[in-house]
Amino acid sequence: MNSVSTGGRRALVATAGIAVTAMTLAACGGSSDDSGGGGGNSASGGGSLTIGTSDKITTIDPAGSYDNGSFAVMNQVYPFLMNTAPGSPDVEPDIAESADFTTPTDYTVKLKPGLTFANGHQLTSSDVKFSFDRILAINDPNGPASLLANLASTDATDDTTVVFHLKTGNDQTFAQVLSTSAGPIVDEEVLSPTALTPDADIVSGKAFAGPYTITNYDQNNLVTYEANPDYQGLLGAPKTAKVNVKYYTDASNLKLDVQEGNIDVAFRSLTATDIADLRGNDKVKVVDGPGGEIRYITFNFNTQPYGATTPEADPAKALAVRQAVADLIDRKEIADQVYKGTYTPLYSYVPEGLTGATDSLKGKYGDGNGGPDADKAKQRLTAAGVTTPVQLNLQYSNDHYGPSSGDEYALIKDQLESSGLFSVNLQTTEWVQYSKDRTADVYPAYQLGWFPDYSDADNYLTPFFLTKNFLANHYSNQKINDMILQQATTTDADARKALIEQIQDLEADDLSTVPYLQGSQVAVTGTDVSGAEDTLDPSFKFRYGALSKG
């Protein structure tokens, strides 16, 4: 998850209105030895449990992070105006009483009365306005401001009424945007209106009004949550009173701890080999859920071979390089060899299962049936006058997309080089630095993954392919830009589906990114843990409150 950047690399979309979505990389971890209690909507259950993860937190300030590791925390501790109940992809009011368009460009939300933060501060419409205003004002390069591209302004008309004024009417995604990483409601008495607030200040200020509060915070080591008795939202009371989330740097240690019962749940990221092994272990349960995660290579249109700011700049040659990469990648080999079937080949920009998804890339590249074709890649490069082997600097993160990323990108390097058409300089960087470098034109081509904010094709188009997009890769196609904006406000379902399909076909010609894998969600739990099957749902939000033990 990343946002528009400061410093002019990306300005907020000032024209029409859509909301951009959220980028990749998820979850958290913990440890416990107590048994979990039951649950209900009026009082939380007892006991405790421990979750383990290798995903990292960037910051728990919603204005400064657009990644799943951070969002996993926010989902537990912040309230949202709109949210999704476990098991459903559809948004409903959370701390809102109602939410509706009162005019085509005015989205009006009524809050439930008597809302409070864990510190005792009242939660009113003023906090809501503050929460959205500060995301746009701070406009952090790694924040979610791009999700609010269609938001012109926010008014608090009384203590429980908020009106969102939109730039373009009939926005088919705005209600869902309120449930994304741009949507947490924060305490205006604790967080700064103009700068990111340190995590320690947020925790000590008890600026939480979600199902849980944080009682101990050792970033990317151990985070302890306790049920918030004052939460009045859609999710109800947590089924477990205390949750510890433990962070791992080594997936083998995560696997060992869950199979030995040292932790109760492992969620992101075990290797595919570990998951396959654990399926045969009667000490644990492997729980699968629908997957909206995708993996893709991003090209920087300025710094890639023959990019706009290189000495040999040539748009036709740059396109041929991207096309040759698309011809050479063997998706099935990556899915089978590296991920043991926990990922499947992806041949377009919208993953299979969502309305409007196509296989636009399959017929255009490789052998036309999903496989690679080195002869076709050679023909493209020769026709464009590209000298081979092409020198390609390719970057991946060694700690953000799971422990198999090294194998994944070693195989991609081999696939490109075995053709004799590429010489790949493969490099890796830890995520904290990686997330900064990628928006600063450091990487000509690089790995990214994507977890959607909500289950809609727009979530895979708007963030990537608008002229002002979170990739910050200098890609722009005005026709695609306009069509993306059009689909987001098209109320006729068939017409909107047709637009989504056309956008994918056009984007397959440009290849701003090359998608290649679609993944499922997998959690491994102790045999006495329940609820994982409820929260591994199409909303892609892992709710700790749905889990219980015993």
Protein backbone atom coordinates (compact mmCIF):
# COMPACT_ATOMS: atom_id res chain seq x y z
CA MET A 1 0.00 0.00 0.00
CA ASN A 2 1.49 3.32 -0.98
CA SER A 3 0.23 6.77 -1.74
CA VAL A 4 0.88 9.80 -3.80
CA SER A 5 4.23 11.32 -3.02
CA THR A 6 5.33 14.67 -1.86
CA GLY A 7 8.01 16.60 -3.65
CA GLY A 8 6.10 16.69 -6.91
CA ARG A 9 6.73 13.10 -8.03
CA ARG A 10 3.04 12.43 -7.59
CA ALA A 11 0.37 15.00 -7.00
CA LEU A 12 -3.06 14.13 -5.77
CA VAL A 13 -5.45 13.39 -8.60
CA ALA A 14 -7.12 16.74 -8.96
CA THR A 15 -9.59 15.79 -11.61
CA ALA A 16 -12.18 13.15 -11.43
CA GLY A 17 -13.02 10.90 -8.79
CA ILE A 18 -12.11 7.53 -7.91
CA ALA A 19 -10.23 6.13 -5.13
CA VAL A 20 -6.99 4.36 -5.55
CA THR A 21 -6.35 1.16 -3.65
CA ALA A 22 -3.94 -0.53 -1.50
CA MET A 23 -0.66 -2.24 -2.01
CA THR A 24 0.66 -5.50 -0.74
CA LEU A 25 2.21 -7.30 2.13
CA ALA A 26 0.50 -8.33 5.27
CA ALA A 27 -0.16 -9.32 8.78
CA CYS A 28 1.21 -9.77 12.23
CA GLY A 29 2.25 -12.28 14.83
CA GLY A 30 2.08 -13.12 18.52
CA SER A 31 2.58 -15.63 21.31
CA SER A 32 0.54 -16.98 24.16
CA ASP A 33 -0.06 -19.95 26.32
CA ASP A 34 -3.49 -19.20 27.72
CA SER A 35 -6.69 -20.61 26.38
CA GLY A 36 -9.07 -18.37 24.47
CA GLY A 37 -12.59 -17.85 25.59
CA GLY A 38 -15.86 -17.69 23.77
CA GLY A 39 -17.25 -14.48 22.43
CA GLY A 40 -20.30 -12.40 21.85
CA ASN A 41 -21.47 -9.00 20.73
CA SER A 42 -21.90 -7.47 24.15
CA ALA A 43 -18.79 -8.68 25.95
CA SER A 44 -15.49 -10.04 24.81
CA GLY A 45 -14.38 -13.56 25.52
CA GLY A 46 -11.62 -14.46 27.92
CA GLY A 47 -8.20 -15.99 27.61
CA SER A 48 -5.48 -15.14 25.16
CA LEU A 49 -3.81 -16.43 22.06
CA THR A 50 -0.67 -15.75 20.08
CA ILE A 51 -0.29 -14.98 16.39
CA GLY A 52 2.98 -15.20 14.50
CA THR A 53 3.90 -13.35 11.31
CA SER A 54 6.89 -12.22 9.28
CA ASP A 55 5.15 -9.11 7.94
CA LYS A 56 6.50 -5.81 9.17
CA ILE A 57 4.87 -2.67 10.53
CA THR A 58 5.92 0.60 8.89
CA THR A 59 3.92 2.85 11.20
CA ILE A 60 0.52 2.68 12.89
CA ASP A 61 -0.17 6.29 11.91
CA PRO A 62 -2.73 5.83 9.09
CA ALA A 63 -1.32 8.83 7.22
CA GLY A 64 2.08 7.20 6.81
CA SER A 65 1.57 3.61 5.76
CA TYR A 66 -0.05 1.79 2.85
CA ASP A 67 1.03 -1.79 3.51
CA ASN A 68 -0.67 -4.85 4.93
CA GLY A 69 1.71 -5.25 7.84
CA SER A 70 0.68 -1.86 9.19
CA PHE A 71 -2.94 -2.22 8.12
CA ALA A 72 -3.19 -5.50 10.04
CA VAL A 73 -2.64 -3.47 13.22
CA MET A 74 -4.99 -0.68 12.21
CA ASN A 75 -7.81 -3.15 11.56
CA GLN A 76 -7.71 -4.21 15.19
CA VAL A 77 -7.41 -0.85 16.95
CA TYR A 78 -9.08 1.86 14.86
CA PRO A 79 -12.76 2.22 14.06
CA PHE A 80 -13.99 2.81 10.51
CA LEU A 81 -17.11 4.49 9.22
CA MET A 82 -17.72 1.52 6.92
CA ASN A 83 -16.37 -1.99 7.38
CA THR A 84 -16.81 -5.61 6.36
CA ALA A 85 -18.02 -8.29 8.73
CA PRO A 86 -16.02 -11.55 8.76
CA GLY A 87 -17.15 -13.75 5.89
CA SER A 88 -18.43 -10.91 3.72
CA PRO A 89 -16.81 -8.70 1.06
CA ASP A 90 -19.61 -6.12 1.32
CA VAL A 91 -19.25 -2.94 3.37
CA GLU A 92 -21.70 -1.98 6.07
CA PRO A 93 -21.74 0.83 8.65
CA ASP A 94 -19.18 0.25 11.43
CA ILE A 95 -19.28 3.16 13.89
CA ALA A 96 -21.67 4.86 11.49
CA GLU A 97 -25.41 4.62 11.95
CA SER A 98 -26.08 5.31 8.29
CA ALA A 99 -24.21 6.29 5.14
CA ASP A 100 -25.81 7.38 1.87
CA PHE A 101 -25.48 9.69 -1.11
CA THR A 102 -27.65 12.70 -0.39
CA THR A 103 -26.67 14.21 -3.74
CA PRO A 104 -24.54 12.64 -6.49
CA THR A 105 -21.46 14.38 -5.03
CA ASP A 106 -22.37 14.44 -1.31
CA TYR A 107 -21.88 11.28 0.74
CA THR A 108 -23.42 11.81 4.18
CA VAL A 109 -22.55 9.71 7.22
CA LYS A 110 -24.34 9.74 10.58
CA LEU A 111 -22.29 8.49 13.56
CA LYS A 112 -23.62 6.40 16.39
CA PRO A 113 -24.10 8.55 19.51
CA GLY A 114 -21.83 8.39 22.54
CA LEU A 115 -18.66 7.12 20.83
CA THR A 116 -15.39 7.40 22.76
CA PHE A 117 -11.71 6.61 22.39
CA ALA A 118 -9.97 4.33 24.87
CA ASN A 119 -8.47 7.43 26.54
CA GLY A 120 -11.94 8.77 27.33
CA HIS A 121 -11.99 11.44 24.62
CA GLN A 122 -15.26 11.78 22.76
CA LEU A 123 -15.26 10.56 19.15
CA THR A 124 -17.28 13.01 17.08
CA SER A 125 -17.62 14.16 13.49
CA SER A 126 -14.75 16.58 14.19
CA ASP A 127 -12.40 13.60 14.62
CA VAL A 128 -13.72 12.12 11.38
CA LYS A 129 -13.08 15.31 9.42
CA PHE A 130 -9.64 15.58 11.05
CA SER A 131 -8.76 11.99 10.09
CA PHE A 132 -9.36 12.52 6.37
CA ASP A 133 -8.06 16.09 6.23
CA ARG A 134 -4.70 15.10 7.73
CA ILE A 135 -4.12 12.23 5.29
CA LEU A 136 -4.52 14.65 2.40
CA ALA A 137 -2.51 17.41 4.12
CA ILE A 138 0.41 15.15 5.08
CA ASN A 139 0.33 13.37 1.70
CA ASP A 140 3.11 11.03 2.76
CA PRO A 141 4.82 9.15 -0.09
CA ASN A 142 4.15 5.86 1.70
CA GLY A 143 0.67 6.81 2.87
CA PRO A 144 -2.83 6.21 1.45
CA ALA A 145 -3.69 9.70 0.17
CA SER A 146 -4.15 8.34 -3.34
CA LEU A 147 -7.19 6.42 -2.11
CA LEU A 148 -8.87 9.77 -1.52
CA ALA A 149 -8.37 11.03 -5.06
CA ASN A 150 -12.08 11.75 -5.45
CA LEU A 151 -12.49 13.59 -2.14
CA ALA A 152 -12.77 17.36 -2.56
CA SER A 153 -13.49 18.26 1.07
CA THR A 154 -15.07 17.01 4.29
CA ASP A 155 -17.54 18.90 6.50
CA ALA A 156 -18.64 18.15 10.06
CA THR A 157 -22.11 19.68 10.08
CA ASP A 158 -22.92 18.64 13.66
CA ASP A 159 -21.36 16.33 16.25
CA THR A 160 -22.63 13.16 14.56
CA THR A 161 -22.91 14.19 10.90
CA VAL A 162 -20.15 14.18 8.30
CA VAL A 163 -20.54 15.15 4.65
CA PHE A 164 -17.92 14.05 2.11
CA HIS A 165 -17.95 16.31 -0.94
CA LEU A 166 -16.74 14.36 -3.98
CA LYS A 167 -15.18 15.70 -7.16
CA THR A 168 -17.09 13.28 -9.36
CA GLY A 169 -20.55 12.00 -8.57
CA ASN A 170 -21.88 8.46 -8.39
CA ASP A 171 -18.54 7.06 -7.27
CA GLN A 172 -19.17 3.31 -7.16
CA THR A 173 -16.23 2.71 -4.81
CA PHE A 174 -16.35 5.49 -2.22
CA ALA A 175 -18.24 3.54 0.45
CA GLN A 176 -15.62 0.81 0.15
CA VAL A 177 -12.79 3.34 0.31
CA LEU A 178 -14.01 4.31 3.77
CA SER A 179 -13.14 0.77 4.89
CA THR A 180 -9.58 0.89 3.53
CA SER A 181 -6.25 2.09 4.91
CA ALA A 182 -7.41 5.65 4.27
CA GLY A 183 -10.39 5.11 6.56
CA PRO A 184 -9.22 4.70 10.20
CA ILE A 185 -10.71 7.32 12.49
CA VAL A 186 -8.09 8.83 14.79
CA ASP A 187 -8.13 11.10 17.84
CA GLU A 188 -7.53 14.75 16.93
CA GLU A 189 -6.35 15.38 20.49
CA VAL A 190 -3.46 12.91 20.10
CA LEU A 191 -2.34 12.90 16.47
CA SER A 192 -0.75 15.82 14.63
CA PRO A 193 -2.75 17.47 11.82
CA THR A 194 0.34 18.20 9.71
CA ALA A 195 2.95 15.50 10.41
CA LEU A 196 3.18 11.81 11.17
CA THR A 197 2.79 11.04 14.86
CA PRO A 198 5.30 8.60 16.40
CA ASP A 199 3.85 5.18 17.17
CA ALA A 200 4.91 5.52 20.82
CA ASP A 201 2.80 8.68 21.18
CA ILE A 202 -0.25 7.00 19.64
CA VAL A 203 0.08 4.02 21.99
CA SER A 204 0.70 6.11 25.11
CA GLY A 205 -2.17 8.40 24.11
CA LYS A 206 -4.53 5.40 23.87
CA ALA A 207 -5.90 6.85 20.63
CA PHE A 208 -7.89 3.71 19.83
CA ALA A 209 -11.60 3.03 19.40
CA GLY A 210 -11.62 -0.29 17.53
CA PRO A 211 -12.23 -3.80 18.87
CA TYR A 212 -8.81 -3.84 20.58
CA THR A 213 -6.39 -1.42 22.20
CA ILE A 214 -2.61 -1.83 22.28
CA THR A 215 -1.16 -2.32 25.75
CA ASN A 216 2.42 -3.16 24.76
CA TYR A 217 4.18 -2.10 21.58
CA ASP A 218 7.64 -3.30 20.61
CA GLN A 219 7.57 -2.61 16.88
CA ASN A 220 8.17 -5.69 14.73
CA ASN A 221 9.00 -7.75 17.80
CA LEU A 222 5.89 -8.10 19.97
CA VAL A 223 2.58 -6.25 20.12
CA THR A 224 -0.01 -6.98 22.80
CA TYR A 225 -3.71 -6.24 22.32
CA GLU A 226 -6.55 -6.20 24.83
CA ALA A 227 -10.25 -6.09 24.03
CA ASN A 228 -11.79 -2.62 24.07
CA PRO A 229 -15.03 -2.77 26.07
CA ASP A 230 -16.21 0.57 24.60
CA TYR A 231 -16.10 -0.47 20.93
CA GLN A 232 -19.58 -0.02 19.41
CA GLY A 233 -18.95 -1.13 15.85
CA LEU A 234 -19.98 -3.76 13.33
CA LEU A 235 -17.46 -6.39 14.43
CA GLY A 236 -18.82 -6.81 17.94
CA ALA A 237 -16.79 -7.85 20.94
CA PRO A 238 -13.63 -9.90 20.29
CA LYS A 239 -13.89 -13.60 21.09
CA THR A 240 -10.51 -13.48 22.82
CA ALA A 241 -9.65 -10.86 25.43
CA LYS A 242 -5.88 -10.72 24.86
CA VAL A 243 -3.86 -11.26 21.70
CA ASN A 244 -0.08 -11.25 21.41
CA VAL A 245 1.42 -10.80 17.97
CA LYS A 246 4.98 -12.00 17.55
CA TYR A 247 7.10 -10.96 14.57
CA TYR A 248 9.54 -13.35 12.90
CA THR A 249 12.46 -12.73 10.58
CA ASP A 250 12.82 -16.40 9.68
CA ALA A 251 9.91 -18.43 8.30
CA SER A 252 11.47 -21.67 9.54
CA ASN A 253 11.18 -20.42 13.12
CA LEU A 254 7.56 -19.42 12.47
CA LYS A 255 6.81 -22.92 11.18
CA LEU A 256 8.58 -24.56 14.11
CA ASP A 257 6.68 -22.50 16.68
CA VAL A 258 3.23 -23.16 15.23
CA GLN A 259 3.79 -26.90 14.85
CA GLU A 260 5.19 -27.14 18.39
CA GLY A 261 2.29 -25.16 19.84
CA ASN A 262 4.43 -22.22 20.95
CA ILE A 263 2.09 -19.95 19.01
CA ASP A 264 -1.56 -20.51 18.17
CA VAL A 265 -1.74 -19.03 14.66
CA ALA A 266 0.75 -18.43 11.85
CA PHE A 267 -0.44 -15.96 9.23
CA ARG A 268 2.06 -14.71 6.65
CA SER A 269 4.43 -15.80 5.53
CA LEU A 270 5.31 -19.47 5.58
CA THR A 271 6.98 -20.95 2.54
CA ALA A 272 4.92 -23.03 0.16
CA THR A 273 7.06 -26.04 1.13
CA ASP A 274 6.34 -25.43 4.81
CA ILE A 275 2.60 -25.18 4.15
CA ALA A 276 2.63 -28.39 2.13
CA ASP A 277 4.51 -30.12 4.95
CA LEU A 278 2.14 -28.79 7.63
CA ARG A 279 -0.91 -30.10 5.75
CA GLY A 280 0.21 -33.55 6.78
CA ASN A 281 0.74 -32.64 10.45
CA ASP A 282 -2.15 -33.62 12.74
CA LYS A 283 -1.00 -31.12 15.39
CA VAL A 284 -2.18 -28.17 13.30
CA LYS A 285 -4.93 -27.08 10.91
CA VAL A 286 -4.14 -25.43 7.57
CA VAL A 287 -6.95 -23.04 6.67
CA ASP A 288 -7.28 -21.71 3.11
CA GLY A 289 -9.20 -18.62 2.04
CA PRO A 290 -9.96 -16.82 -1.23
CA GLY A 291 -6.96 -14.99 -2.65
CA GLY A 292 -6.82 -11.55 -4.18
CA GLU A 293 -3.07 -11.20 -3.81
CA ILE A 294 -1.13 -10.69 -7.03
CA ARG A 295 2.60 -10.54 -7.83
CA TYR A 296 3.99 -8.41 -10.62
CA ILE A 297 7.12 -6.76 -11.99
CA THR A 298 6.96 -2.96 -12.18
CA PHE A 299 8.92 -1.01 -14.78
CA ASN A 300 10.11 2.53 -14.14
CA PHE A 301 9.44 4.29 -17.45
CA ASN A 302 12.28 6.75 -16.78
CA THR A 303 15.08 4.41 -15.70
CA GLN A 304 14.31 1.03 -17.32
CA PRO A 305 16.46 0.08 -20.35
CA TYR A 306 15.79 2.78 -22.99
CA GLY A 307 13.69 4.70 -20.45
CA ALA A 308 12.95 8.40 -20.81
CA THR A 309 15.86 9.68 -18.71
CA THR A 310 18.49 7.19 -19.91
CA PRO A 311 21.16 8.23 -22.45
CA GLU A 312 19.71 5.78 -24.99
CA ALA A 313 16.07 6.82 -24.44
CA ASP A 314 13.74 5.24 -27.00
CA PRO A 315 10.06 4.48 -26.22
CA ALA A 316 9.79 1.77 -28.90
CA LYS A 317 12.85 -0.08 -27.62
CA ALA A 318 11.69 0.31 -24.01
CA LEU A 319 8.34 -1.26 -24.94
CA ALA A 320 10.10 -4.12 -26.73
CA VAL A 321 12.11 -4.84 -23.57
CA ARG A 322 8.92 -5.03 -21.48
CA GLN A 323 7.25 -7.21 -24.10
CA ALA A 324 10.22 -9.57 -24.22
CA VAL A 325 10.05 -10.00 -20.44
CA ALA A 326 6.34 -10.86 -20.79
CA ASP A 327 7.22 -13.40 -23.52
CA LEU A 328 9.86 -15.13 -21.40
CA ILE A 329 8.28 -15.47 -17.96
CA ASP A 330 7.05 -19.00 -17.27
CA ARG A 331 4.30 -18.41 -14.75
CA LYS A 332 3.39 -22.05 -14.28
CA GLU A 333 6.98 -22.96 -13.49
CA ILE A 334 7.12 -20.27 -10.78
CA ALA A 335 3.74 -21.31 -9.33
CA ASP A 336 4.59 -25.00 -9.25
CA GLN A 337 8.30 -24.97 -8.47
CA VAL A 338 8.46 -22.12 -5.94
CA TYR A 339 4.95 -22.01 -4.49
CA LYS A 340 3.75 -25.62 -4.74
CA GLY A 341 0.38 -24.52 -6.09
CA THR A 342 -0.39 -21.96 -3.35
CA TYR A 343 -0.16 -19.44 -6.20
CA THR A 344 -1.56 -19.84 -9.71
CA PRO A 345 -0.53 -18.21 -13.01
CA LEU A 346 -2.01 -14.77 -13.64
CA TYR A 347 -2.39 -13.46 -17.18
CA SER A 348 -4.02 -10.10 -16.62
CA TYR A 349 -4.35 -7.17 -14.26
CA VAL A 350 -7.58 -8.15 -12.49
CA PRO A 351 -7.33 -11.53 -10.74
CA GLU A 352 -9.55 -14.43 -11.62
CA GLY A 353 -12.85 -14.47 -9.74
CA LEU A 354 -13.60 -10.76 -9.90
CA THR A 355 -16.15 -9.29 -12.28
CA GLY A 356 -14.45 -8.11 -15.46
CA ALA A 357 -11.31 -10.24 -15.11
CA THR A 358 -9.76 -11.31 -18.43
CA ASP A 359 -6.71 -13.21 -19.67
CA SER A 360 -5.51 -10.28 -21.76
CA LEU A 361 -1.82 -11.18 -21.55
CA LYS A 362 -2.17 -14.87 -22.44
CA GLY A 363 -2.89 -14.43 -26.14
CA LYS A 364 -0.57 -11.47 -26.66
CA TYR A 365 2.64 -12.85 -25.20
CA GLY A 366 4.67 -16.03 -25.01
CA ASP A 367 3.31 -19.02 -26.94
CA GLY A 368 -0.27 -17.69 -26.87
CA ASN A 369 -1.37 -20.35 -24.40
CA GLY A 370 0.30 -19.09 -21.23
CA GLY A 371 3.75 -20.54 -21.79
CA PRO A 372 7.01 -18.73 -22.63
CA ASP A 373 8.38 -18.23 -26.16
CA ALA A 374 12.01 -17.16 -26.56
CA ASP A 375 11.74 -16.91 -30.35
CA LYS A 376 8.91 -14.39 -30.10
CA ALA A 377 10.88 -12.35 -27.55
CA LYS A 378 13.91 -12.34 -29.86
CA GLN A 379 11.80 -11.22 -32.82
CA ARG A 380 10.41 -8.28 -30.82
CA LEU A 381 13.82 -7.09 -29.69
CA THR A 382 15.34 -7.49 -33.15
CA ALA A 383 12.47 -5.64 -34.82
CA ALA A 384 12.91 -2.73 -32.40
CA GLY A 385 16.68 -2.62 -32.96
CA VAL A 386 17.52 -3.63 -29.39
CA THR A 387 21.04 -4.94 -28.81
CA THR A 388 21.11 -8.17 -26.82
CA PRO A 389 21.70 -9.27 -24.19
CA VAL A 390 19.74 -6.46 -22.55
CA GLN A 391 21.28 -5.37 -19.26
CA LEU A 392 18.41 -5.38 -16.76
CA ASN A 393 18.71 -4.30 -13.11
CA LEU A 394 15.99 -6.19 -11.26
CA GLN A 395 15.22 -5.61 -7.57
CA TYR A 396 13.22 -7.59 -5.02
CA SER A 397 12.54 -7.32 -1.28
CA ASN A 398 14.02 -10.09 0.84
CA ASP A 399 11.72 -9.61 3.83
CA HIS A 400 8.38 -8.29 2.67
CA TYR A 401 6.77 -10.83 0.34
CA GLY A 402 7.68 -13.94 2.21
CA PRO A 403 10.78 -16.12 2.39
CA SER A 404 10.30 -17.59 -1.09
CA SER A 405 10.94 -14.27 -2.84
CA GLY A 406 14.62 -15.16 -3.28
CA ASP A 407 13.72 -18.41 -5.06
CA GLU A 408 11.01 -16.63 -7.04
CA TYR A 409 13.35 -14.00 -8.43
CA ALA A 410 16.26 -16.38 -8.94
CA LEU A 411 13.95 -18.37 -11.18
CA ILE A 412 12.78 -15.25 -13.04
CA LYS A 413 16.42 -14.29 -13.59
CA ASP A 414 17.12 -17.76 -14.95
CA GLN A 415 14.09 -17.65 -17.24
CA LEU A 416 15.19 -14.31 -18.71
CA GLU A 417 18.88 -15.21 -19.04
CA SER A 418 18.44 -18.74 -20.42
CA SER A 419 17.04 -17.16 -23.59
CA GLY A 420 20.35 -15.38 -24.16
CA LEU A 421 18.39 -12.14 -24.54
CA PHE A 422 18.93 -10.67 -21.05
CA SER A 423 21.72 -10.27 -18.55
CA VAL A 424 20.03 -9.71 -15.20
CA ASN A 425 21.67 -7.93 -12.29
CA LEU A 426 19.50 -9.26 -9.44
CA GLN A 427 19.61 -7.23 -6.20
CA THR A 428 17.67 -7.34 -2.95
CA THR A 429 16.85 -4.74 -0.29
CA GLU A 430 14.98 -4.87 3.02
CA TRP A 431 11.49 -3.42 2.87
CA VAL A 432 11.95 -0.30 4.99
CA GLN A 433 14.56 1.01 2.52
CA TYR A 434 12.92 -0.63 -0.49
CA SER A 435 9.66 1.26 0.02
CA LYS A 436 11.58 4.54 -0.10
CA ASP A 437 13.85 3.66 -3.02
CA ARG A 438 11.14 2.45 -5.37
CA THR A 439 9.39 5.84 -5.38
CA ALA A 440 12.70 7.68 -5.85
CA ASP A 441 13.55 6.16 -9.25
CA VAL A 442 16.24 3.90 -7.77
CA TYR A 443 14.97 0.67 -9.34
CA PRO A 444 14.53 0.29 -13.14
CA ALA A 445 12.46 -2.89 -12.64
CA TYR A 446 11.30 -4.35 -9.36
CA GLN A 447 9.05 -6.74 -7.48
CA LEU A 448 5.76 -5.70 -5.97
CA GLY A 449 2.78 -7.55 -4.58
CA TRP A 450 -0.75 -6.34 -4.04
CA PHE A 451 -3.46 -7.09 -1.54
CA PRO A 452 -6.69 -5.30 -2.45
CA ASP A 453 -8.49 -2.90 -0.19
CA TYR A 454 -11.81 -4.29 -1.38
CA SER A 455 -13.12 -6.90 -3.79
CA ASP A 456 -13.60 -4.86 -6.93
CA ALA A 457 -11.70 -4.72 -10.23
CA ASP A 458 -11.17 -0.99 -9.75
CA ASN A 459 -8.82 -1.88 -6.92
CA TYR A 460 -6.42 -3.38 -9.45
CA LEU A 461 -6.66 -0.59 -12.03
CA THR A 462 -6.89 2.82 -10.37
CA PRO A 463 -3.80 2.47 -8.11
CA PHE A 464 -1.56 1.34 -10.95
CA PHE A 465 -2.61 2.99 -14.17
CA LEU A 466 -3.99 6.46 -13.52
CA THR A 467 -1.51 9.10 -14.61
CA LYS A 468 -1.04 9.95 -10.92
CA ASN A 469 -0.61 6.49 -9.40
CA PHE A 470 0.99 4.95 -6.35
CA LEU A 471 3.64 3.17 -8.40
CA ALA A 472 5.20 6.53 -9.26
CA ASN A 473 6.74 4.82 -12.30
CA HIS A 474 6.11 7.71 -14.73
CA TYR A 475 3.56 5.77 -16.76
CA SER A 476 0.77 7.71 -18.44
CA ASN A 477 -1.84 6.80 -21.04
CA GLN A 478 -4.61 9.38 -21.22
CA LYS A 479 -7.10 7.02 -22.86
CA ILE A 480 -6.64 4.43 -20.13
CA ASN A 481 -6.72 7.19 -17.49
CA ASP A 482 -10.08 8.43 -18.79
CA MET A 483 -11.57 4.96 -19.04
CA ILE A 484 -10.56 4.14 -15.47
CA LEU A 485 -12.28 7.28 -14.27
CA GLN A 486 -15.32 6.42 -16.38
CA GLN A 487 -15.75 2.88 -15.04
CA ALA A 488 -15.64 4.12 -11.46
CA THR A 489 -18.79 6.19 -12.01
CA THR A 490 -20.67 3.94 -14.43
CA THR A 491 -23.80 2.69 -12.70
CA ASP A 492 -24.83 0.17 -15.38
CA ALA A 493 -23.14 -3.12 -14.38
CA ASP A 494 -22.76 -4.52 -17.91
CA ALA A 495 -21.35 -1.28 -19.29
CA ARG A 496 -18.90 -1.04 -16.39
CA LYS A 497 -17.76 -4.65 -16.91
CA ALA A 498 -17.11 -3.95 -20.59
CA LEU A 499 -14.97 -0.91 -19.69
CA ILE A 500 -12.94 -2.95 -17.20
CA GLU A 501 -12.26 -5.58 -19.87
CA GLN A 502 -11.20 -2.93 -22.42
CA ILE A 503 -8.84 -1.31 -19.92
CA GLN A 504 -7.06 -4.62 -19.37
CA ASP A 505 -6.69 -5.19 -23.11
CA LEU A 506 -5.20 -1.72 -23.63
CA GLU A 507 -2.91 -2.06 -20.63
CA ALA A 508 -1.68 -5.40 -21.93
CA ASP A 509 -0.34 -3.47 -24.92
CA ASP A 510 1.52 -0.95 -22.75
CA LEU A 511 2.83 -3.32 -20.03
CA SER A 512 3.39 -0.77 -17.30
CA THR A 513 3.61 -3.86 -15.11
CA VAL A 514 3.85 -7.57 -15.88
CA PRO A 515 1.57 -9.55 -13.54
CA TYR A 516 2.41 -13.22 -13.20
CA LEU A 517 0.98 -14.83 -10.03
CA GLN A 518 -2.26 -14.88 -8.03
CA GLY A 519 -2.16 -16.20 -4.47
CA SER A 520 -4.55 -17.58 -1.89
CA GLN A 521 -4.73 -16.74 1.81
CA VAL A 522 -3.41 -19.41 4.17
CA ALA A 523 -3.36 -19.52 7.97
CA VAL A 524 -1.99 -22.35 10.09
CA THR A 525 -3.56 -22.78 13.53
CA GLY A 526 -3.51 -25.10 16.48
CA THR A 527 -6.22 -27.75 16.43
CA ASP A 528 -7.99 -25.97 19.31
CA VAL A 529 -8.21 -22.62 17.49
CA SER A 530 -11.37 -21.64 15.64
CA GLY A 531 -12.46 -18.63 13.62
CA ALA A 532 -9.69 -18.46 11.02
CA GLU A 533 -12.05 -19.82 8.39
CA ASP A 534 -14.41 -16.91 9.12
CA THR A 535 -11.85 -14.15 8.74
CA LEU A 536 -9.98 -15.50 5.69
CA ASP A 537 -12.62 -13.95 3.48
CA PRO A 538 -12.85 -11.83 0.31
CA SER A 539 -12.35 -8.62 2.30
CA PHE A 540 -8.71 -9.74 2.84
CA LYS A 541 -8.77 -8.44 6.43
CA PHE A 542 -7.47 -10.76 9.13
CA ARG A 543 -9.58 -10.05 12.23
CA TYR A 544 -7.99 -11.12 15.49
CA GLY A 545 -11.35 -10.75 17.23
CA ALA A 546 -12.81 -13.61 15.17
CA LEU A 547 -10.29 -16.07 16.64
CA SER A 548 -10.76 -18.11 19.80
CA LYS A 549 -9.01 -21.02 21.48
CA GLY A 550 -10.35 -23.90 23.49
